[in-house]
PDB file of N, CA and C in Angstrom:
ATOM      1  N   MET A   1     -17.781  18.455   6.726  1.00  0.00           N
ATOM      2  CA  MET A   1     -17.594  17.141   7.292  1.00  0.00           C
ATOM      3  C   MET A   1     -18.950  16.455   7.483  1.00  0.00           C
ATOM      4  N   THR A   2     -18.939  15.153   7.317  1.00  0.00           N
ATOM      5  CA  THR A   2     -20.136  14.328   7.439  1.00  0.00           C
ATOM      6  C   THR A   2     -20.396  13.959   8.898  1.00  0.00           C
ATOM      7  N   ASN A   3     -21.650  13.731   9.222  1.00  0.00           N
ATOM      8  CA  ASN A   3     -22.029  13.251  10.548  1.00  0.00           C
ATOM      9  C   ASN A   3     -21.455  11.838  10.716  1.00  0.00           C
ATOM     10  N   PRO A   4     -20.662  11.577  11.764  1.00  0.00           N
ATOM     11  CA  PRO A   4     -20.020  10.267  11.937  1.00  0.00           C
ATOM     12  C   PRO A   4     -21.002   9.099  12.053  1.00  0.00           C
ATOM     13  N   VAL A   5     -22.133   9.320  12.705  1.00  0.00           N
ATOM     14  CA  VAL A   5     -23.119   8.247  12.874  1.00  0.00           C
ATOM     15  C   VAL A   5     -23.738   7.889  11.529  1.00  0.00           C
ATOM     16  N   LYS A   6     -24.093   8.895  10.735  1.00  0.00           N
ATOM     17  CA  LYS A   6     -24.679   8.641   9.414  1.00  0.00           C
ATOM     18  C   LYS A   6     -23.670   7.946   8.500  1.00  0.00           C
ATOM     19  N   LEU A   7     -22.409   8.365   8.571  1.00  0.00           N
ATOM     20  CA  LEU A   7     -21.379   7.735   7.746  1.00  0.00           C
ATOM     21  C   LEU A   7     -21.216   6.267   8.121  1.00  0.00           C
ATOM     22  N   ALA A   8     -21.126   5.981   9.408  1.00  0.00           N
ATOM     23  CA  ALA A   8     -20.955   4.592   9.859  1.00  0.00           C
ATOM     24  C   ALA A   8     -22.127   3.733   9.411  1.00  0.00           C
ATOM     25  N   LYS A   9     -23.344   4.245   9.562  1.00  0.00           N
ATOM     26  CA  LYS A   9     -24.528   3.479   9.160  1.00  0.00           C
ATOM     27  C   LYS A   9     -24.552   3.248   7.656  1.00  0.00           C
ATOM     28  N   SER A  10     -24.048   4.207   6.874  1.00  0.00           N
ATOM     29  CA  SER A  10     -24.031   4.030   5.423  1.00  0.00           C
ATOM     30  C   SER A  10     -22.973   3.010   4.987  1.00  0.00           C
ATOM     31  N   LEU A  11     -21.941   2.819   5.790  1.00  0.00           N
ATOM     32  CA  LEU A  11     -20.875   1.869   5.452  1.00  0.00           C
ATOM     33  C   LEU A  11     -21.199   0.437   5.871  1.00  0.00           C
ATOM     34  N   ILE A  12     -22.107   0.278   6.833  1.00  0.00           N
ATOM     35  CA  ILE A  12     -22.457  -1.057   7.321  1.00  0.00           C
ATOM     36  C   ILE A  12     -23.055  -1.870   6.183  1.00  0.00           C
ATOM     37  N   GLY A  13     -22.588  -3.078   6.035  1.00  0.00           N
ATOM     38  CA  GLY A  13     -23.045  -3.947   4.963  1.00  0.00           C
ATOM     39  C   GLY A  13     -21.971  -4.189   3.912  1.00  0.00           C
ATOM     40  N   LYS A  14     -21.000  -3.273   3.831  1.00  0.00           N
ATOM     41  CA  LYS A  14     -19.885  -3.480   2.914  1.00  0.00           C
ATOM     42  C   LYS A  14     -18.947  -4.515   3.525  1.00  0.00           C
ATOM     43  N   HIS A  15     -18.392  -5.377   2.699  1.00  0.00           N
ATOM     44  CA  HIS A  15     -17.473  -6.407   3.197  1.00  0.00           C
ATOM     45  C   HIS A  15     -16.147  -5.796   3.638  1.00  0.00           C
ATOM     46  N   ARG A  16     -15.656  -4.827   2.877  1.00  0.00           N
ATOM     47  CA  ARG A  16     -14.357  -4.223   3.165  1.00  0.00           C
ATOM     48  C   ARG A  16     -14.508  -2.701   3.131  1.00  0.00           C
ATOM     49  N   ILE A  17     -13.987  -2.042   4.148  1.00  0.00           N
ATOM     50  CA  ILE A  17     -14.051  -0.585   4.225  1.00  0.00           C
ATOM     51  C   ILE A  17     -12.633  -0.054   4.376  1.00  0.00           C
ATOM     52  N   SER A  18     -12.233   0.804   3.475  1.00  0.00           N
ATOM     53  CA  SER A  18     -10.913   1.415   3.539  1.00  0.00           C
ATOM     54  C   SER A  18     -10.885   2.487   4.628  1.00  0.00           C
ATOM     55  N   LYS A  19      -9.769   2.605   5.303  1.00  0.00           N
ATOM     56  CA  LYS A  19      -9.620   3.617   6.350  1.00  0.00           C
ATOM     57  C   LYS A  19      -9.796   5.019   5.769  1.00  0.00           C
ATOM     58  N   ARG A  20      -9.380   5.215   4.537  1.00  0.00           N
ATOM     59  CA  ARG A  20      -9.500   6.529   3.898  1.00  0.00           C
ATOM     60  C   ARG A  20     -10.952   6.939   3.680  1.00  0.00           C
ATOM     61  N   GLU A  21     -11.844   5.965   3.490  1.00  0.00           N
ATOM     62  CA  GLU A  21     -13.267   6.271   3.347  1.00  0.00           C
ATOM     63  C   GLU A  21     -13.798   6.956   4.596  1.00  0.00           C
ATOM     64  N   VAL A  22     -13.218   6.661   5.730  1.00  0.00           N
ATOM     65  CA  VAL A  22     -13.661   7.225   7.004  1.00  0.00           C
ATOM     66  C   VAL A  22     -12.887   8.505   7.321  1.00  0.00           C
ATOM     67  N   GLU A  23     -11.571   8.460   7.210  1.00  0.00           N
ATOM     68  CA  GLU A  23     -10.716   9.590   7.591  1.00  0.00           C
ATOM     69  C   GLU A  23     -11.042  10.875   6.856  1.00  0.00           C
ATOM     70  N   ASP A  24     -11.293  10.777   5.566  1.00  0.00           N
ATOM     71  CA  ASP A  24     -11.483  11.966   4.749  1.00  0.00           C
ATOM     72  C   ASP A  24     -12.833  12.639   4.953  1.00  0.00           C
ATOM     73  N   LYS A  25     -13.764  11.959   5.615  1.00  0.00           N
ATOM     74  CA  LYS A  25     -15.124  12.485   5.691  1.00  0.00           C
ATOM     75  C   LYS A  25     -15.572  12.949   7.067  1.00  0.00           C
ATOM     76  N   VAL A  26     -14.893  12.544   8.128  1.00  0.00           N
ATOM     77  CA  VAL A  26     -15.339  12.912   9.481  1.00  0.00           C
ATOM     78  C   VAL A  26     -14.176  13.381  10.350  1.00  0.00           C
ATOM     79  N   ASN A  27     -14.518  14.148  11.370  1.00  0.00           N
ATOM     80  CA  ASN A  27     -13.522  14.557  12.365  1.00  0.00           C
ATOM     81  C   ASN A  27     -13.424  13.542  13.489  1.00  0.00           C
ATOM     82  N   ASN A  28     -14.546  12.913  13.841  1.00  0.00           N
ATOM     83  CA  ASN A  28     -14.598  11.989  14.975  1.00  0.00           C
ATOM     84  C   ASN A  28     -14.485  10.540  14.487  1.00  0.00           C
ATOM     85  N   ILE A  29     -13.280  10.124  14.184  1.00  0.00           N
ATOM     86  CA  ILE A  29     -13.041   8.776  13.672  1.00  0.00           C
ATOM     87  C   ILE A  29     -13.331   7.731  14.749  1.00  0.00           C
ATOM     88  N   ARG A  30     -13.085   8.071  15.993  1.00  0.00           N
ATOM     89  CA  ARG A  30     -13.291   7.127  17.097  1.00  0.00           C
ATOM     90  C   ARG A  30     -14.751   6.673  17.183  1.00  0.00           C
ATOM     91  N   LEU A  31     -15.697   7.582  16.978  1.00  0.00           N
ATOM     92  CA  LEU A  31     -17.114   7.228  17.033  1.00  0.00           C
ATOM     93  C   LEU A  31     -17.478   6.269  15.901  1.00  0.00           C
ATOM     94  N   VAL A  32     -16.986   6.537  14.701  1.00  0.00           N
ATOM     95  CA  VAL A  32     -17.235   5.645  13.565  1.00  0.00           C
ATOM     96  C   VAL A  32     -16.632   4.277  13.856  1.00  0.00           C
ATOM     97  N   ASP A  33     -15.430   4.260  14.402  1.00  0.00           N
ATOM     98  CA  ASP A  33     -14.753   3.013  14.753  1.00  0.00           C
ATOM     99  C   ASP A  33     -15.582   2.193  15.743  1.00  0.00           C
ATOM    100  N   GLU A  34     -16.108   2.835  16.772  1.00  0.00           N
ATOM    101  CA  GLU A  34     -16.921   2.129  17.773  1.00  0.00           C
ATOM    102  C   GLU A  34     -18.166   1.517  17.147  1.00  0.00           C
ATOM    103  N   ILE A  35     -18.831   2.268  16.284  1.00  0.00           N
ATOM    104  CA  ILE A  35     -20.054   1.771  15.643  1.00  0.00           C
ATOM    105  C   ILE A  35     -19.739   0.580  14.745  1.00  0.00           C
ATOM    106  N   LEU A  36     -18.672   0.684  13.958  1.00  0.00           N
ATOM    107  CA  LEU A  36     -18.306  -0.424  13.067  1.00  0.00           C
ATOM    108  C   LEU A  36     -17.942  -1.673  13.871  1.00  0.00           C
ATOM    109  N   ARG A  37     -17.223  -1.513  14.962  1.00  0.00           N
ATOM    110  CA  ARG A  37     -16.850  -2.665  15.794  1.00  0.00           C
ATOM    111  C   ARG A  37     -18.073  -3.330  16.419  1.00  0.00           C
ATOM    112  N   LYS A  38     -19.059  -2.529  16.818  1.00  0.00           N
ATOM    113  CA  LYS A  38     -20.284  -3.093  17.398  1.00  0.00           C
ATOM    114  C   LYS A  38     -21.057  -3.917  16.378  1.00  0.00           C
ATOM    115  N   HIS A  39     -20.839  -3.634  15.099  1.00  0.00           N
ATOM    116  CA  HIS A  39     -21.525  -4.367  14.035  1.00  0.00           C
ATOM    117  C   HIS A  39     -20.662  -5.483  13.454  1.00  0.00           C
ATOM    118  N   GLY A  40     -19.611  -5.861  14.155  1.00  0.00           N
ATOM    119  CA  GLY A  40     -18.833  -7.035  13.769  1.00  0.00           C
ATOM    120  C   GLY A  40     -17.622  -6.790  12.900  1.00  0.00           C
ATOM    121  N   TYR A  41     -17.273  -5.542  12.655  1.00  0.00           N
ATOM    122  CA  TYR A  41     -16.087  -5.269  11.845  1.00  0.00           C
ATOM    123  C   TYR A  41     -14.840  -5.376  12.713  1.00  0.00           C
ATOM    124  N   ARG A  42     -13.736  -5.749  12.081  1.00  0.00           N
ATOM    125  CA  ARG A  42     -12.460  -5.789  12.795  1.00  0.00           C
ATOM    126  C   ARG A  42     -11.438  -5.016  11.982  1.00  0.00           C
ATOM    127  N   LYS A  43     -10.479  -4.426  12.663  1.00  0.00           N
ATOM    128  CA  LYS A  43      -9.429  -3.666  11.996  1.00  0.00           C
ATOM    129  C   LYS A  43      -8.329  -4.622  11.560  1.00  0.00           C
ATOM    130  N   VAL A  44      -7.795  -4.403  10.377  1.00  0.00           N
ATOM    131  CA  VAL A  44      -6.653  -5.202   9.934  1.00  0.00           C
ATOM    132  C   VAL A  44      -5.628  -4.298   9.270  1.00  0.00           C
ATOM    133  N   PHE A  45      -4.390  -4.711   9.345  1.00  0.00           N
ATOM    134  CA  PHE A  45      -3.310  -4.039   8.649  1.00  0.00           C
ATOM    135  C   PHE A  45      -2.643  -5.089   7.788  1.00  0.00           C
ATOM    136  N   ALA A  46      -2.941  -5.054   6.521  1.00  0.00           N
ATOM    137  CA  ALA A  46      -2.376  -6.054   5.613  1.00  0.00           C
ATOM    138  C   ALA A  46      -2.679  -5.650   4.188  1.00  0.00           C
ATOM    139  N   SER A  47      -1.919  -6.184   3.271  1.00  0.00           N
ATOM    140  CA  SER A  47      -2.224  -5.959   1.863  1.00  0.00           C
ATOM    141  C   SER A  47      -3.391  -6.859   1.487  1.00  0.00           C
ATOM    142  N   THR A  48      -3.974  -6.621   0.333  1.00  0.00           N
ATOM    143  CA  THR A  48      -5.113  -7.422  -0.106  1.00  0.00           C
ATOM    144  C   THR A  48      -4.749  -8.899  -0.159  1.00  0.00           C
ATOM    145  N   SER A  49      -3.576  -9.224  -0.689  1.00  0.00           N
ATOM    146  CA  SER A  49      -3.187 -10.630  -0.785  1.00  0.00           C
ATOM    147  C   SER A  49      -2.996 -11.240   0.602  1.00  0.00           C
ATOM    148  N   ALA A  50      -2.470 -10.458   1.525  1.00  0.00           N
ATOM    149  CA  ALA A  50      -2.253 -10.969   2.877  1.00  0.00           C
ATOM    150  C   ALA A  50      -3.572 -11.233   3.591  1.00  0.00           C
ATOM    151  N   ILE A  51      -4.572 -10.408   3.346  1.00  0.00           N
ATOM    152  CA  ILE A  51      -5.876 -10.604   3.987  1.00  0.00           C
ATOM    153  C   ILE A  51      -6.461 -11.939   3.560  1.00  0.00           C
ATOM    154  N   PHE A  52      -6.368 -12.257   2.292  1.00  0.00           N
ATOM    155  CA  PHE A  52      -6.948 -13.507   1.822  1.00  0.00           C
ATOM    156  C   PHE A  52      -6.159 -14.719   2.301  1.00  0.00           C
ATOM    157  N   LYS A  53      -4.922 -14.531   2.678  1.00  0.00           N
ATOM    158  CA  LYS A  53      -4.145 -15.633   3.247  1.00  0.00           C
ATOM    159  C   LYS A  53      -4.401 -15.762   4.742  1.00  0.00           C
ATOM    160  N   GLY A  54      -5.194 -14.840   5.298  1.00  0.00           N
ATOM    161  CA  GLY A  54      -5.546 -14.920   6.705  1.00  0.00           C
ATOM    162  C   GLY A  54      -4.588 -14.214   7.643  1.00  0.00           C
ATOM    163  N   TRP A  55      -3.711 -13.376   7.119  1.00  0.00           N
ATOM    164  CA  TRP A  55      -2.778 -12.663   7.978  1.00  0.00           C
ATOM    165  C   TRP A  55      -3.431 -11.382   8.478  1.00  0.00           C
ATOM    166  N   ALA A  56      -3.274 -11.094   9.728  1.00  0.00           N
ATOM    167  CA  ALA A  56      -3.727  -9.821  10.285  1.00  0.00           C
ATOM    168  C   ALA A  56      -2.839  -9.482  11.472  1.00  0.00           C
ATOM    169  N   ILE A  57      -2.161  -8.365  11.394  1.00  0.00           N
ATOM    170  CA  ILE A  57      -1.263  -7.940  12.462  1.00  0.00           C
ATOM    171  C   ILE A  57      -2.096  -7.206  13.513  1.00  0.00           C
ATOM    172  N   SER A  58      -1.855  -7.467  14.753  1.00  0.00           N
ATOM    173  CA  SER A  58      -2.610  -6.838  15.838  1.00  0.00           C
ATOM    174  C   SER A  58      -2.509  -5.322  15.764  1.00  0.00           C
ATOM    175  N   GLU A  59      -3.623  -4.641  15.990  1.00  0.00           N
ATOM    176  CA  GLU A  59      -3.647  -3.186  15.935  1.00  0.00           C
ATOM    177  C   GLU A  59      -2.822  -2.553  17.054  1.00  0.00           C
ATOM    178  N   ARG A  60      -2.480  -3.319  18.085  1.00  0.00           N
ATOM    179  CA  ARG A  60      -1.646  -2.775  19.159  1.00  0.00           C
ATOM    180  C   ARG A  60      -0.262  -2.410  18.639  1.00  0.00           C
ATOM    181  N   PHE A  61       0.200  -3.086  17.606  1.00  0.00           N
ATOM    182  CA  PHE A  61       1.553  -2.890  17.117  1.00  0.00           C
ATOM    183  C   PHE A  61       1.648  -1.918  15.954  1.00  0.00           C
ATOM    184  N   THR A  62       0.568  -1.687  15.270  1.00  0.00           N
ATOM    185  CA  THR A  62       0.614  -0.808  14.110  1.00  0.00           C
ATOM    186  C   THR A  62      -0.764  -0.246  13.825  1.00  0.00           C
ATOM    187  N   ASP A  63      -0.817   0.768  13.027  1.00  0.00           N
ATOM    188  CA  ASP A  63      -2.089   1.374  12.653  1.00  0.00           C
ATOM    189  C   ASP A  63      -2.768   0.491  11.619  1.00  0.00           C
ATOM    190  N   HIS A  64      -4.086   0.502  11.598  1.00  0.00           N
ATOM    191  CA  HIS A  64      -4.810  -0.339  10.642  1.00  0.00           C
ATOM    192  C   HIS A  64      -5.030   0.408   9.332  1.00  0.00           C
ATOM    193  N   ASN A  65      -5.375  -0.321   8.274  1.00  0.00           N
ATOM    194  CA  ASN A  65      -5.700   0.356   7.031  1.00  0.00           C
ATOM    195  C   ASN A  65      -7.035  -0.082   6.448  1.00  0.00           C
ATOM    196  N   GLU A  66      -7.690  -1.069   7.034  1.00  0.00           N
ATOM    197  CA  GLU A  66      -8.995  -1.508   6.549  1.00  0.00           C
ATOM    198  C   GLU A  66      -9.827  -2.073   7.689  1.00  0.00           C
ATOM    199  N   TYR A  67     -11.133  -2.048   7.476  1.00  0.00           N
ATOM    200  CA  TYR A  67     -12.068  -2.756   8.349  1.00  0.00           C
ATOM    201  C   TYR A  67     -12.621  -3.908   7.536  1.00  0.00           C
ATOM    202  N   LEU A  68     -12.714  -5.089   8.121  1.00  0.00           N
ATOM    203  CA  LEU A  68     -13.297  -6.244   7.444  1.00  0.00           C
ATOM    204  C   LEU A  68     -14.474  -6.754   8.241  1.00  0.00           C
ATOM    205  N   LEU A  69     -15.476  -7.233   7.524  1.00  0.00           N
ATOM    206  CA  LEU A  69     -16.650  -7.809   8.172  1.00  0.00           C
ATOM    207  C   LEU A  69     -16.459  -9.287   8.342  1.00  0.00           C
TER     208      LEU A  69
END
């Protein structure tokens, strides 16, 4: 498993980050999530077409599948 802090820092700068890029590489997903949020990323649950239309369902109601900058 990868160090969560190093993984988060390596992902910063990408416009879109798939949840699988994070899940498959670290045990502590919460730490990566906190770091990404501090750098302006937000969680979204939507298909690619829905994201470009501006739809984003609140994470309170469902699990997310991407981080967007």
